[in-house]
Protein backbone atom coordinates (compact mmCIF):
# COMPACT_ATOMS: atom_id res chain seq x y z
CA MET A 1 0.23 -0.17 0.15
CA ARG A 2 1.47 3.46 -0.88
CA ILE A 3 0.58 5.90 1.64
CA ALA A 4 1.31 9.74 1.19
CA ALA A 5 1.86 12.16 4.74
CA SER A 6 1.32 15.28 3.80
CA GLN A 7 2.87 17.93 6.43
CA LEU A 8 1.34 20.99 5.66
CA ALA A 9 1.52 24.45 7.90
CA ALA A 10 -2.17 25.03 8.28
CA GLY A 11 -3.32 28.71 8.74
CA VAL A 12 -6.79 29.91 10.12
CA SER A 13 -8.81 29.94 7.14
CA PRO A 14 -10.61 26.58 6.29
CA GLU A 15 -11.08 27.54 3.03
CA GLU A 16 -7.37 28.54 2.34
CA ASN A 17 -6.52 24.87 3.98
CA LEU A 18 -9.15 23.26 1.55
CA ALA A 19 -7.04 24.66 -1.06
CA LEU A 20 -3.70 22.86 0.14
CA ILE A 21 -5.43 19.58 0.65
CA ALA A 22 -6.78 19.68 -2.86
CA GLU A 23 -3.46 20.54 -4.18
CA GLN A 24 -1.61 17.81 -1.83
CA THR A 25 -4.10 15.26 -2.64
CA ALA A 26 -3.65 15.42 -6.19
CA LYS A 27 -0.04 15.36 -6.03
CA ALA A 28 -0.04 12.53 -3.84
CA ALA A 29 -2.33 10.52 -6.36
CA GLY A 30 0.00 11.56 -9.04
CA ALA A 31 2.74 9.74 -7.34
CA GLY A 32 0.32 6.60 -6.85
CA ALA A 33 -0.72 7.12 -3.17
CA GLU A 34 -3.95 4.93 -2.35
CA VAL A 35 -4.26 6.79 0.97
CA VAL A 36 -3.43 10.29 2.01
CA VAL A 37 -3.07 11.57 5.72
CA PHE A 38 -3.22 15.19 6.66
CA PRO A 39 -2.49 16.58 10.06
CA GLU A 40 -4.61 16.92 12.94
CA ALA A 41 -6.26 20.43 12.81
CA ALA A 42 -6.03 20.63 8.83
CA MET A 43 -9.14 22.53 9.02
CA ALA A 44 -7.45 25.31 10.87
CA ARG A 45 -4.92 25.52 13.32
CA PHE A 46 -4.76 25.44 17.31
CA GLY A 47 -4.68 28.97 18.82
CA VAL A 48 -7.76 30.01 17.13
CA PRO A 49 -11.65 30.06 18.29
CA LEU A 50 -12.37 26.56 17.73
CA GLY A 51 -16.39 26.92 17.92
CA PRO A 52 -17.22 29.16 14.90
CA LEU A 53 -15.02 27.04 12.73
CA ALA A 54 -16.40 23.63 13.79
CA GLU A 55 -18.80 22.07 11.34
CA PRO A 56 -20.77 18.73 11.25
CA LEU A 57 -19.46 16.10 8.96
CA ASP A 58 -22.29 16.48 6.30
CA GLY A 59 -21.13 20.44 6.32
CA PRO A 60 -19.58 22.26 3.44
CA TRP A 61 -15.85 21.62 4.57
CA ALA A 62 -16.04 17.95 5.03
CA THR A 63 -18.34 17.52 1.96
CA ARG A 64 -15.59 19.20 -0.05
CA VAL A 65 -12.92 16.93 1.04
CA ARG A 66 -15.17 14.39 0.19
CA ALA A 67 -15.14 15.40 -3.38
CA ILE A 68 -11.27 15.85 -3.34
CA ALA A 69 -11.05 12.35 -2.19
CA ALA A 70 -13.26 11.07 -4.77
CA ALA A 71 -12.06 13.14 -7.57
CA ALA A 72 -8.52 11.47 -6.88
CA GLY A 73 -9.72 8.27 -6.19
CA VAL A 74 -7.99 7.98 -2.73
CA LEU A 75 -8.70 7.68 0.75
CA VAL A 76 -8.31 11.08 2.38
CA VAL A 77 -7.82 11.44 6.42
CA ALA A 78 -7.79 15.11 7.77
CA GLY A 79 -8.39 16.68 10.75
CA MET A 80 -11.30 19.03 11.57
CA PHE A 81 -13.47 20.13 14.24
CA THR A 82 -16.89 19.14 14.80
CA PRO A 83 -19.78 20.47 17.17
CA ALA A 84 -20.19 18.61 20.37
CA ARG A 85 -23.49 18.48 22.26
CA ASP A 86 -22.12 20.24 25.35
CA GLY A 87 -21.01 23.44 23.32
CA ARG A 88 -17.47 22.37 23.07
CA VAL A 89 -16.34 20.92 19.89
CA ARG A 90 -14.92 17.41 18.88
CA ASN A 91 -11.24 16.63 17.56
CA THR A 92 -12.25 14.77 14.57
CA LEU A 93 -10.42 13.07 11.76
CA LEU A 94 -12.58 12.70 8.64
CA ILE A 95 -12.11 9.28 6.66
CA THR A 96 -13.23 9.49 3.63
CA GLY A 97 -12.84 7.76 -0.06
CA ARG A 98 -12.33 4.59 -1.79
CA GLY A 99 -15.64 3.28 -0.31
CA VAL A 100 -14.98 4.70 3.17
CA ASP A 101 -16.87 7.00 4.79
CA THR A 102 -16.40 7.37 8.62
CA SER A 103 -14.69 9.47 11.27
CA TYR A 104 -12.40 9.28 14.63
CA ASP A 105 -13.14 11.52 17.52
CA LYS A 106 -9.68 12.11 19.19
CA LEU A 107 -10.07 9.81 22.68
CA HIS A 108 -7.24 11.71 24.77
CA LEU A 109 -7.33 15.41 24.86
CA PHE A 110 -3.99 17.32 25.38
CA ASP A 111 -4.28 18.49 29.34
CA ALA A 112 -0.43 18.55 29.70
CA PHE A 113 2.39 21.19 29.13
CA GLY A 114 0.47 23.79 30.20
CA PHE A 115 -2.15 23.76 27.55
CA THR A 116 -6.04 22.20 28.19
CA GLU A 117 -7.37 20.76 25.20
CA SER A 118 -10.52 19.65 27.35
CA ARG A 119 -11.62 23.10 27.85
CA THR A 120 -12.85 23.62 24.42
CA VAL A 121 -12.78 20.21 23.09
CA ALA A 122 -14.90 17.18 24.38
CA PRO A 123 -13.56 13.59 23.91
CA GLY A 124 -14.18 10.79 21.52
CA GLU A 125 -15.97 7.64 22.71
CA ARG A 126 -14.72 4.61 20.61
CA PRO A 127 -11.71 3.64 18.66
CA VAL A 128 -12.03 3.38 14.79
CA LEU A 129 -11.27 1.10 12.03
CA ALA A 130 -11.63 0.94 8.34
CA GLU A 131 -10.78 -1.25 5.71
CA VAL A 132 -9.13 -0.05 2.52
CA ASP A 133 -7.90 -2.50 -0.20
CA GLY A 134 -8.34 -5.53 2.17
CA VAL A 135 -6.01 -3.87 4.64
CA THR A 136 -7.28 -2.69 7.98
CA LEU A 137 -6.27 0.68 9.40
CA GLY A 138 -6.56 2.20 12.77
CA PHE A 139 -6.65 5.81 13.68
CA ALA A 140 -5.11 7.72 16.50
CA THR A 141 -4.70 11.42 17.21
CA CYS A 142 -1.53 13.29 18.40
CA TYR A 143 -1.57 12.84 22.29
CA ASP A 144 -3.18 9.46 21.66
CA VAL A 145 0.59 8.58 21.06
CA ARG A 146 1.71 8.34 24.82
CA PHE A 147 -1.39 5.76 25.31
CA PRO A 148 -0.31 2.08 24.49
CA ALA A 149 -3.47 0.53 25.09
CA LEU A 150 -5.24 2.57 22.03
CA PHE A 151 -2.58 1.05 19.62
CA THR A 152 -2.72 -2.56 21.36
CA ARG A 153 -6.68 -2.53 20.81
CA LEU A 154 -6.57 -1.31 17.46
CA ALA A 155 -3.86 -4.12 16.51
CA GLU A 156 -6.04 -6.68 18.56
CA ASP A 157 -9.16 -5.43 16.30
CA GLY A 158 -7.41 -6.20 13.10
CA ALA A 159 -5.10 -2.93 12.32
CA ARG A 160 -1.91 -3.82 10.44
CA VAL A 161 -1.37 0.23 9.83
CA VAL A 162 -1.93 3.01 12.26
CA LEU A 163 -2.49 6.45 10.68
CA LEU A 164 -1.61 9.25 13.20
CA PRO A 165 -2.28 12.85 12.21
CA ALA A 166 -0.71 15.27 15.05
CA SER A 167 0.01 18.99 15.80
CA TRP A 168 2.78 18.32 18.40
CA GLY A 169 3.95 21.01 20.64
CA ALA A 170 7.19 22.47 20.47
CA GLY A 171 9.48 22.62 23.57
CA PRO A 172 12.67 21.39 25.25
CA GLY A 173 12.85 17.55 24.33
CA LYS A 174 9.23 17.30 22.75
CA ARG A 175 10.76 16.47 19.09
CA GLU A 176 12.98 13.43 20.56
CA GLN A 177 9.70 12.39 22.44
CA TRP A 178 7.51 12.52 19.31
CA GLU A 179 9.90 10.11 17.64
CA LEU A 180 10.63 7.68 20.40
CA LEU A 181 6.41 7.50 21.14
CA VAL A 182 5.70 6.86 17.69
CA ARG A 183 8.50 4.22 17.62
CA ALA A 184 7.50 2.91 20.81
CA ARG A 185 3.52 2.45 19.52
CA ALA A 186 4.79 0.85 16.74
CA LEU A 187 6.55 -1.63 18.62
CA ASP A 188 3.91 -2.19 20.88
CA SER A 189 1.22 -2.92 18.49
CA THR A 190 3.77 -4.44 15.68
CA CYS A 191 1.83 -2.31 13.38
CA TRP A 192 3.09 0.20 10.78
CA VAL A 193 2.66 3.94 12.00
CA VAL A 194 2.28 6.69 9.56
CA ALA A 195 2.64 9.59 11.95
CA ALA A 196 1.78 13.11 9.65
CA GLY A 197 2.29 16.22 11.61
CA GLN A 198 1.86 19.83 11.07
CA ALA A 199 4.94 21.74 9.89
CA ASP A 200 6.74 23.93 12.13
CA PRO A 201 5.12 27.32 11.18
CA ALA A 202 8.24 29.33 11.45
CA THR A 203 9.70 27.29 8.41
CA THR A 204 7.22 29.45 6.57
CA GLY A 205 8.11 32.89 8.17
CA GLU A 206 5.05 32.64 10.47
CA ARG A 207 5.18 32.86 14.29
CA PRO A 208 1.66 32.49 16.04
CA SER A 209 1.27 34.36 18.95
CA THR A 210 -0.12 31.47 20.96
CA SER A 211 0.95 28.65 23.38
CA ALA A 212 -1.26 26.13 21.33
CA PRO A 213 0.37 23.15 19.77
CA THR A 214 1.24 24.61 16.27
CA GLY A 215 3.52 21.97 14.69
CA ILE A 216 6.95 20.98 14.61
CA GLY A 217 7.01 18.86 11.58
CA HIS A 218 9.24 15.58 11.61
CA SER A 219 6.68 13.20 10.03
CA MET A 220 7.61 9.66 9.81
CA VAL A 221 6.78 6.22 8.95
CA VAL A 222 7.56 3.41 11.28
CA SER A 223 7.69 -0.19 10.63
CA PRO A 224 6.35 -2.86 12.79
CA LEU A 225 9.72 -3.62 14.22
CA GLY A 226 10.44 0.16 15.19
CA GLU A 227 12.44 1.28 12.47
CA VAL A 228 11.97 4.66 10.88
CA THR A 229 11.66 4.26 7.13
CA ALA A 230 11.12 7.37 5.95
CA ARG A 231 10.81 10.95 7.58
CA LEU A 232 10.61 14.43 6.81
CA GLY A 233 12.33 17.91 8.36
CA ALA A 234 10.44 20.49 10.08
CA GLU A 235 9.34 22.54 6.72
CA PRO A 236 5.99 21.65 4.99
CA GLY A 237 6.72 18.83 2.64
CA LEU A 238 5.04 15.45 1.10
CA LEU A 239 5.97 11.92 2.32
CA VAL A 240 5.18 9.15 -0.28
CA THR A 241 6.23 5.61 0.72
CA ASP A 242 5.18 2.16 0.41
CA VAL A 243 4.12 -0.11 3.33
CA ASP A 244 3.78 -3.79 3.39
CA PRO A 245 0.95 -4.85 5.77
CA ALA A 246 2.63 -8.51 5.60
CA GLU A 247 5.59 -7.04 7.36
CA ALA A 248 3.12 -6.86 10.51
CA GLU A 249 2.35 -10.56 10.52
CA ARG A 250 5.83 -11.25 10.09
CA ALA A 251 6.90 -9.12 13.21
CA ARG A 252 4.01 -10.83 14.99
CA ALA A 253 5.85 -13.99 14.61
CA THR A 254 9.02 -12.73 15.48
CA VAL A 255 8.15 -10.81 18.41
CA PRO A 256 4.56 -11.80 19.51
CA VAL A 257 3.88 -9.60 22.08
CA LEU A 258 0.36 -9.11 21.28
CA ALA A 259 -0.17 -12.79 21.69
CA ASN A 260 1.98 -13.06 24.88
CA ARG A 261 0.29 -10.36 26.56
CA ARG A 262 -1.08 -10.78 30.18
CA ARG A 263 -4.81 -9.98 29.92
CA ASP A 264 -5.30 -10.60 33.61
CA LEU A 265 -3.11 -7.55 34.18
CA GLY A 266 -5.00 -5.36 32.52
């Protein structure tokens, strides 16, 4: 399966970000990608009021993304914000194309490093899987990467590849934590992990006056045995790579952590 990770630097305009998504999707499809993964908050970057931007999954923004995916013949995964019942929003991945139309709401909210995502964002309620061309994909978002049980659950439910959009916060040691965590979750689950982060806005000349997590770049693809097989730097870019889901089966035969796990310990 050929997968593209689009490391874009989203701005505050959903309409302008749609144009980036259309451009990057066409470019990825032209390179033979079957799946195109955009970052968390691809609809609009963090650091601006999210409530006024949120739209339902049948609203105009998501409808346009569906049309982009259909025109290119690919599965598109893109971070957006949808309304929650309690007045907050949900941090949602729209997952659409190639016969799939579903969504994932971020389960673990980023109440850490001085940021309180739960103040404006409501948590999701369930893990999500989707099948494309016979390959089962799992989904996680950014801070979810710090919670191994989610990745283990996705693997036990059939995932061979986990797609991980993110908008990682900057700070001392954060890049190192990002790589360590992505690689660890690949090892925990013996899955491929395709991590697509927001580019560092400073590389485009922007310096948002916000403490919100606006991205550091360093998207990567990690094998089921924890090897980084492809990566980007801090600036915007498109990472197109082939992943072999059968490698997950081979990894599980070599290091059967899922089979050996002590379920009686939780």
